[in-house]
C-alpha atoms as a PDB file:
ATOM      1  CA  MET A   1       8.657  -3.480 -11.734  1.00  0.00           C
ATOM      2  CA  ILE A   2       6.397  -4.382  -8.849  1.00  0.00           C
ATOM      3  CA  ALA A   3       6.331  -0.823  -7.434  1.00  0.00           C
ATOM      4  CA  ALA A   4       4.961   0.472 -10.746  1.00  0.00           C
ATOM      5  CA  ASP A   5       2.351  -2.319 -10.730  1.00  0.00           C
ATOM      6  CA  LEU A   6       1.344  -1.314  -7.188  1.00  0.00           C
ATOM      7  CA  VAL A   7       0.916   2.328  -8.255  1.00  0.00           C
ATOM      8  CA  THR A   8      -1.100   1.266 -11.314  1.00  0.00           C
ATOM      9  CA  THR A   9      -3.367  -0.841  -9.102  1.00  0.00           C
ATOM     10  CA  LEU A  10      -3.996   1.927  -6.553  1.00  0.00           C
ATOM     11  CA  THR A  11      -4.064   5.064  -8.731  1.00  0.00           C
ATOM     12  CA  THR A  12      -7.845   5.109  -9.133  1.00  0.00           C
ATOM     13  CA  ALA A  13      -8.580   4.256  -5.495  1.00  0.00           C
ATOM     14  CA  LEU A  14      -6.383   7.136  -4.311  1.00  0.00           C
ATOM     15  CA  SER A  15      -7.301   9.607  -7.071  1.00  0.00           C
ATOM     16  CA  GLY A  16      -3.660   9.663  -8.158  1.00  0.00           C
ATOM     17  CA  ARG A  17      -2.412  10.743  -4.709  1.00  0.00           C
ATOM     18  CA  LEU A  18      -0.013   7.867  -3.988  1.00  0.00           C
ATOM     19  CA  TYR A  19       3.644   8.684  -3.387  1.00  0.00           C
ATOM     20  CA  PRO A  20       6.844   6.706  -2.755  1.00  0.00           C
ATOM     21  CA  SER A  21       7.951   6.999   0.908  1.00  0.00           C
ATOM     22  CA  VAL A  22       6.980  10.648   1.530  1.00  0.00           C
ATOM     23  CA  ALA A  23       4.191  12.841   0.195  1.00  0.00           C
ATOM     24  CA  PRO A  24       5.171  16.202  -1.288  1.00  0.00           C
ATOM     25  CA  ALA A  25       4.608  19.293   0.840  1.00  0.00           C
ATOM     26  CA  GLY A  26       1.105  20.689   0.557  1.00  0.00           C
ATOM     27  CA  VAL A  27      -0.530  17.568  -0.861  1.00  0.00           C
ATOM     28  CA  VAL A  28      -4.288  17.466  -0.310  1.00  0.00           C
ATOM     29  CA  ALA A  29      -5.565  14.707   2.003  1.00  0.00           C
ATOM     30  CA  PRO A  30      -6.532  11.980   1.793  1.00  0.00           C
ATOM     31  CA  TYR A  31      -3.421  10.521   0.240  1.00  0.00           C
ATOM     32  CA  GLY A  32      -1.180   7.487   0.514  1.00  0.00           C
ATOM     33  CA  VAL A  33       2.508   6.678   0.623  1.00  0.00           C
ATOM     34  CA  TYR A  34       4.067   3.293  -0.032  1.00  0.00           C
ATOM     35  CA  GLN A  35       7.361   1.604   0.646  1.00  0.00           C
ATOM     36  CA  LEU A  36       8.928  -1.784   0.214  1.00  0.00           C
ATOM     37  CA  VAL A  37       9.309  -3.498   3.594  1.00  0.00           C
ATOM     38  CA  VAL A  38      11.025  -6.638   2.324  1.00  0.00           C
ATOM     39  CA  GLY A  39      11.473  -8.503  -0.955  1.00  0.00           C
ATOM     40  CA  LEU A  40      12.035 -12.238  -0.763  1.00  0.00           C
ATOM     41  CA  PRO A  41      13.105 -14.155  -3.854  1.00  0.00           C
ATOM     42  CA  ILE A  42      11.826 -17.694  -3.561  1.00  0.00           C
ATOM     43  CA  THR A  43      14.518 -20.375  -3.594  1.00  0.00           C
ATOM     44  CA  HIS A  44      13.990 -24.131  -3.473  1.00  0.00           C
ATOM     45  CA  LEU A  45      16.192 -27.201  -3.827  1.00  0.00           C
ATOM     46  CA  SER A  46      16.473 -26.916  -7.606  1.00  0.00           C
ATOM     47  CA  GLY A  47      17.383 -23.223  -7.563  1.00  0.00           C
ATOM     48  CA  GLN A  48      15.715 -19.866  -7.562  1.00  0.00           C
ATOM     49  CA  SER A  49      12.062 -19.619  -8.538  1.00  0.00           C
ATOM     50  CA  ASN A  50      10.759 -17.071 -11.006  1.00  0.00           C
ATOM     51  CA  ARG A  51       8.496 -15.666  -8.250  1.00  0.00           C
ATOM     52  CA  THR A  52       9.166 -13.150  -5.506  1.00  0.00           C
ATOM     53  CA  ASN A  53       7.195 -12.325  -2.389  1.00  0.00           C
ATOM     54  CA  SER A  54       7.404  -8.600  -1.621  1.00  0.00           C
ATOM     55  CA  HIS A  55       5.858  -6.933   1.405  1.00  0.00           C
ATOM     56  CA  TYR A  56       4.690  -3.366   0.841  1.00  0.00           C
ATOM     57  CA  GLN A  57       3.441  -0.937   3.447  1.00  0.00           C
ATOM     58  CA  VAL A  58       0.769   1.498   2.297  1.00  0.00           C
ATOM     59  CA  ASP A  59       0.046   4.339   4.707  1.00  0.00           C
ATOM     60  CA  LEU A  60      -3.141   6.349   4.233  1.00  0.00           C
ATOM     61  CA  PHE A  61      -3.487   9.814   5.747  1.00  0.00           C
ATOM     62  CA  GLY A  62      -6.602  11.940   6.191  1.00  0.00           C
ATOM     63  CA  ARG A  63      -8.436  14.314   8.489  1.00  0.00           C
ATOM     64  CA  ASP A  64     -11.718  12.366   8.708  1.00  0.00           C
ATOM     65  CA  LYS A  65     -11.507   8.940  10.402  1.00  0.00           C
ATOM     66  CA  ALA A  66     -14.682   7.471   8.874  1.00  0.00           C
ATOM     67  CA  ALA A  67     -13.677   8.571   5.375  1.00  0.00           C
ATOM     68  CA  LEU A  68     -10.172   7.172   5.895  1.00  0.00           C
ATOM     69  CA  ASP A  69     -11.580   3.811   7.021  1.00  0.00           C
ATOM     70  CA  ALA A  70     -13.725   3.721   3.866  1.00  0.00           C
ATOM     71  CA  LEU A  71     -10.650   4.551   1.776  1.00  0.00           C
ATOM     72  CA  ALA A  72      -8.722   1.707   3.447  1.00  0.00           C
ATOM     73  CA  ASP A  73     -11.531  -0.677   2.447  1.00  0.00           C
ATOM     74  CA  THR A  74     -11.349   0.653  -1.126  1.00  0.00           C
ATOM     75  CA  VAL A  75      -7.571   0.146  -1.221  1.00  0.00           C
ATOM     76  CA  LYS A  76      -7.900  -3.421   0.103  1.00  0.00           C
ATOM     77  CA  ALA A  77     -10.582  -4.184  -2.497  1.00  0.00           C
ATOM     78  CA  ALA A  78      -8.364  -2.803  -5.285  1.00  0.00           C
ATOM     79  CA  MET A  79      -5.469  -4.953  -4.109  1.00  0.00           C
ATOM     80  CA  ASP A  80      -7.737  -8.031  -3.916  1.00  0.00           C
ATOM     81  CA  ALA A  81      -8.872  -7.372  -7.504  1.00  0.00           C
ATOM     82  CA  ALA A  82      -5.326  -6.782  -8.823  1.00  0.00           C
ATOM     83  CA  THR A  83      -4.427  -8.616 -12.003  1.00  0.00           C
ATOM     84  CA  LEU A  84      -0.738  -7.663 -12.082  1.00  0.00           C
ATOM     85  CA  PHE A  85       0.136  -9.646  -8.936  1.00  0.00           C
ATOM     86  CA  ASP A  86      -1.459 -11.752  -6.195  1.00  0.00           C
ATOM     87  CA  SER A  87      -2.022  -9.832  -2.975  1.00  0.00           C
ATOM     88  CA  THR A  88      -3.023 -10.446   0.640  1.00  0.00           C
ATOM     89  CA  CYS A  89      -3.452  -7.791   3.309  1.00  0.00           C
ATOM     90  CA  ILE A  90      -1.476  -9.193   6.244  1.00  0.00           C
ATOM     91  CA  SER A  91      -1.927  -6.352   8.732  1.00  0.00           C
ATOM     92  CA  GLN A  92      -3.824  -3.158   9.395  1.00  0.00           C
ATOM     93  CA  GLN A  93      -3.186  -0.622  12.131  1.00  0.00           C
ATOM     94  CA  ASP A  94      -4.980   2.613  13.016  1.00  0.00           C
ATOM     95  CA  LEU A  95      -2.784   5.479  14.178  1.00  0.00           C
ATOM     96  CA  TYR A  96      -3.008   9.205  14.835  1.00  0.00           C
ATOM     97  CA  GLU A  97      -0.241  11.615  13.861  1.00  0.00           C
ATOM     98  CA  ASP A  98      -0.665  14.239  16.582  1.00  0.00           C
ATOM     99  CA  PRO A  99       1.695  16.969  15.366  1.00  0.00           C
ATOM    100  CA  ALA A 100       0.136  16.951  11.880  1.00  0.00           C
ATOM    101  CA  GLN A 101      -3.372  16.151  13.175  1.00  0.00           C
ATOM    102  CA  PHE A 102      -3.855  13.378  10.632  1.00  0.00           C
ATOM    103  CA  TYR A 103      -5.493  10.012  11.075  1.00  0.00           C
ATOM    104  CA  ARG A 104      -3.377   7.240   9.572  1.00  0.00           C
ATOM    105  CA  VAL A 105      -4.205   3.721   8.490  1.00  0.00           C
ATOM    106  CA  MET A 106      -1.163   1.526   7.964  1.00  0.00           C
ATOM    107  CA  LEU A 107      -1.725  -1.470   5.682  1.00  0.00           C
ATOM    108  CA  GLU A 108       0.834  -4.163   4.932  1.00  0.00           C
ATOM    109  CA  PHE A 109       0.413  -6.337   1.858  1.00  0.00           C
ATOM    110  CA  SER A 110       2.131  -9.507   0.756  1.00  0.00           C
ATOM    111  CA  LEU A 111       2.514  -9.402  -3.040  1.00  0.00           C
ATOM    112  CA  TRP A 112       3.436 -12.426  -5.125  1.00  0.00           C
ATOM    113  CA  HIS A 113       4.900 -11.623  -8.519  1.00  0.00           C
END
């Protein structure tokens, strides 16, 4: 499963604090959550390919902006070095979650598997 491969790839970079969709209450920052944005099976004239292009969003949350930016670079480097799939970071956005007072970096990756 590609989600399990994503978690395997990012476990070290996020010190094991990577969660599907929503982090548990009380989790220590920084941490990440991931979700599938879209999965596209590749089809061509002779039928369906054995490859799929999935887009995953990885959101990183933390209280220190500089440390979160460094973590985003570490996550992107881990995805670039992945051996379980081919990956490209296709977008990055900096946000601030005011009610929770967390900085957030939203990364979107295109994964070929």
